[in-house]
Amino acid sequence: MSAPTRDEIKAFFDQHDDDKSGTLEKNELPPLLKEIGLEGVQADQVLAAADENGDGKISFDEFCKLVGV
């Protein structure tokens, strides 16, 4: 199985960006975490790890860094 492409990751990101803001907010993270098998991980932890600029949201670039792309 090959690693997902950036386009596939963008589609996954967009699927979970419920308000289509271009960022993932805390309330959008639990369904995403559940889908990738991390439902025990707290959204606060993911947000703290990924939110590099401190705006309380995860941009697509921050998400890519989080998932190692």
C-alpha atoms as a PDB file:
ATOM      1  CA  MET A   1       0.000   0.000   0.000  1.00  0.00           C
ATOM      2  CA  SER A   2       1.488   3.329  -1.009  1.00  0.00           C
ATOM      3  CA  ALA A   3       1.429   6.490   1.046  1.00  0.00           C
ATOM      4  CA  PRO A   4      -1.432   8.875   0.312  1.00  0.00           C
ATOM      5  CA  THR A   5      -0.727  11.705  -2.091  1.00  0.00           C
ATOM      6  CA  ARG A   6      -1.004  15.346  -1.091  1.00  0.00           C
ATOM      7  CA  ASP A   7      -4.210  15.545  -3.176  1.00  0.00           C
ATOM      8  CA  GLU A   8      -5.694  12.606  -1.268  1.00  0.00           C
ATOM      9  CA  ILE A   9      -4.733  14.207   2.035  1.00  0.00           C
ATOM     10  CA  LYS A  10      -6.323  17.486   0.902  1.00  0.00           C
ATOM     11  CA  ALA A  11      -9.554  15.652   0.028  1.00  0.00           C
ATOM     12  CA  PHE A  12      -9.552  14.002   3.477  1.00  0.00           C
ATOM     13  CA  PHE A  13      -8.855  17.376   5.138  1.00  0.00           C
ATOM     14  CA  ASP A  14     -11.654  19.055   3.182  1.00  0.00           C
ATOM     15  CA  GLN A  15     -14.074  16.237   4.036  1.00  0.00           C
ATOM     16  CA  HIS A  16     -13.611  17.034   7.735  1.00  0.00           C
ATOM     17  CA  ASP A  17     -13.613  20.826   7.336  1.00  0.00           C
ATOM     18  CA  ASP A  18     -17.340  21.007   8.045  1.00  0.00           C
ATOM     19  CA  ASP A  19     -17.663  24.780   7.812  1.00  0.00           C
ATOM     20  CA  LYS A  20     -15.421  24.961   4.709  1.00  0.00           C
ATOM     21  CA  SER A  21     -13.224  27.557   6.431  1.00  0.00           C
ATOM     22  CA  GLY A  22     -10.001  26.062   5.091  1.00  0.00           C
ATOM     23  CA  THR A  23      -8.949  25.092   8.623  1.00  0.00           C
ATOM     24  CA  LEU A  24      -9.836  22.398  11.119  1.00  0.00           C
ATOM     25  CA  GLU A  25     -11.218  23.622  14.416  1.00  0.00           C
ATOM     26  CA  LYS A  26     -11.322  21.631  17.656  1.00  0.00           C
ATOM     27  CA  ASN A  27     -14.938  20.515  17.149  1.00  0.00           C
ATOM     28  CA  GLU A  28     -14.075  19.082  13.707  1.00  0.00           C
ATOM     29  CA  LEU A  29     -11.285  16.852  15.019  1.00  0.00           C
ATOM     30  CA  PRO A  30     -13.120  14.022  16.883  1.00  0.00           C
ATOM     31  CA  PRO A  31     -14.756  12.521  13.749  1.00  0.00           C
ATOM     32  CA  LEU A  32     -11.435  12.767  11.896  1.00  0.00           C
ATOM     33  CA  LEU A  33      -9.573  11.072  14.752  1.00  0.00           C
ATOM     34  CA  LYS A  34     -12.192   8.332  14.946  1.00  0.00           C
ATOM     35  CA  GLU A  35     -11.949   7.684  11.209  1.00  0.00           C
ATOM     36  CA  ILE A  36      -8.192   7.155  11.391  1.00  0.00           C
ATOM     37  CA  GLY A  37      -8.436   4.943  14.478  1.00  0.00           C
ATOM     38  CA  LEU A  38      -7.351   7.506  17.067  1.00  0.00           C
ATOM     39  CA  GLU A  39     -10.649   8.060  18.839  1.00  0.00           C
ATOM     40  CA  GLY A  40      -8.899   7.841  22.232  1.00  0.00           C
ATOM     41  CA  VAL A  41      -6.754  10.868  21.385  1.00  0.00           C
ATOM     42  CA  GLN A  42      -8.076  14.188  22.640  1.00  0.00           C
ATOM     43  CA  ALA A  43      -8.709  16.978  20.140  1.00  0.00           C
ATOM     44  CA  ASP A  44      -6.906  19.376  22.497  1.00  0.00           C
ATOM     45  CA  GLN A  45      -3.740  17.282  22.218  1.00  0.00           C
ATOM     46  CA  VAL A  46      -3.864  17.249  18.429  1.00  0.00           C
ATOM     47  CA  LEU A  47      -4.561  20.964  18.280  1.00  0.00           C
ATOM     48  CA  ALA A  48      -1.666  21.738  20.635  1.00  0.00           C
ATOM     49  CA  ALA A  49       0.697  19.586  18.582  1.00  0.00           C
ATOM     50  CA  ALA A  50      -0.307  20.896  15.170  1.00  0.00           C
ATOM     51  CA  ASP A  51      -1.260  24.552  15.656  1.00  0.00           C
ATOM     52  CA  GLU A  52       2.086  26.182  14.956  1.00  0.00           C
ATOM     53  CA  ASN A  53       0.855  29.775  14.720  1.00  0.00           C
ATOM     54  CA  GLY A  54      -1.366  29.645  17.813  1.00  0.00           C
ATOM     55  CA  ASP A  55      -4.611  30.666  16.109  1.00  0.00           C
ATOM     56  CA  GLY A  56      -6.585  27.757  17.571  1.00  0.00           C
ATOM     57  CA  LYS A  57      -7.034  26.091  14.183  1.00  0.00           C
ATOM     58  CA  ILE A  58      -5.137  23.619  12.013  1.00  0.00           C
ATOM     59  CA  SER A  59      -4.385  24.829   8.505  1.00  0.00           C
ATOM     60  CA  PHE A  60      -3.803  22.376   5.681  1.00  0.00           C
ATOM     61  CA  ASP A  61      -0.045  22.994   5.833  1.00  0.00           C
ATOM     62  CA  GLU A  62      -0.043  22.373   9.593  1.00  0.00           C
ATOM     63  CA  PHE A  63      -2.069  19.187   9.012  1.00  0.00           C
ATOM     64  CA  CYS A  64       0.433  17.982   6.416  1.00  0.00           C
ATOM     65  CA  LYS A  65       3.270  18.485   8.888  1.00  0.00           C
ATOM     66  CA  LEU A  66       1.283  16.632  11.537  1.00  0.00           C
ATOM     67  CA  VAL A  67       0.780  13.603   9.297  1.00  0.00           C
ATOM     68  CA  GLY A  68       4.331  13.714   7.940  1.00  0.00           C
ATOM     69  CA  VAL A  69       3.766  14.937   4.414  1.00  0.00           C
END
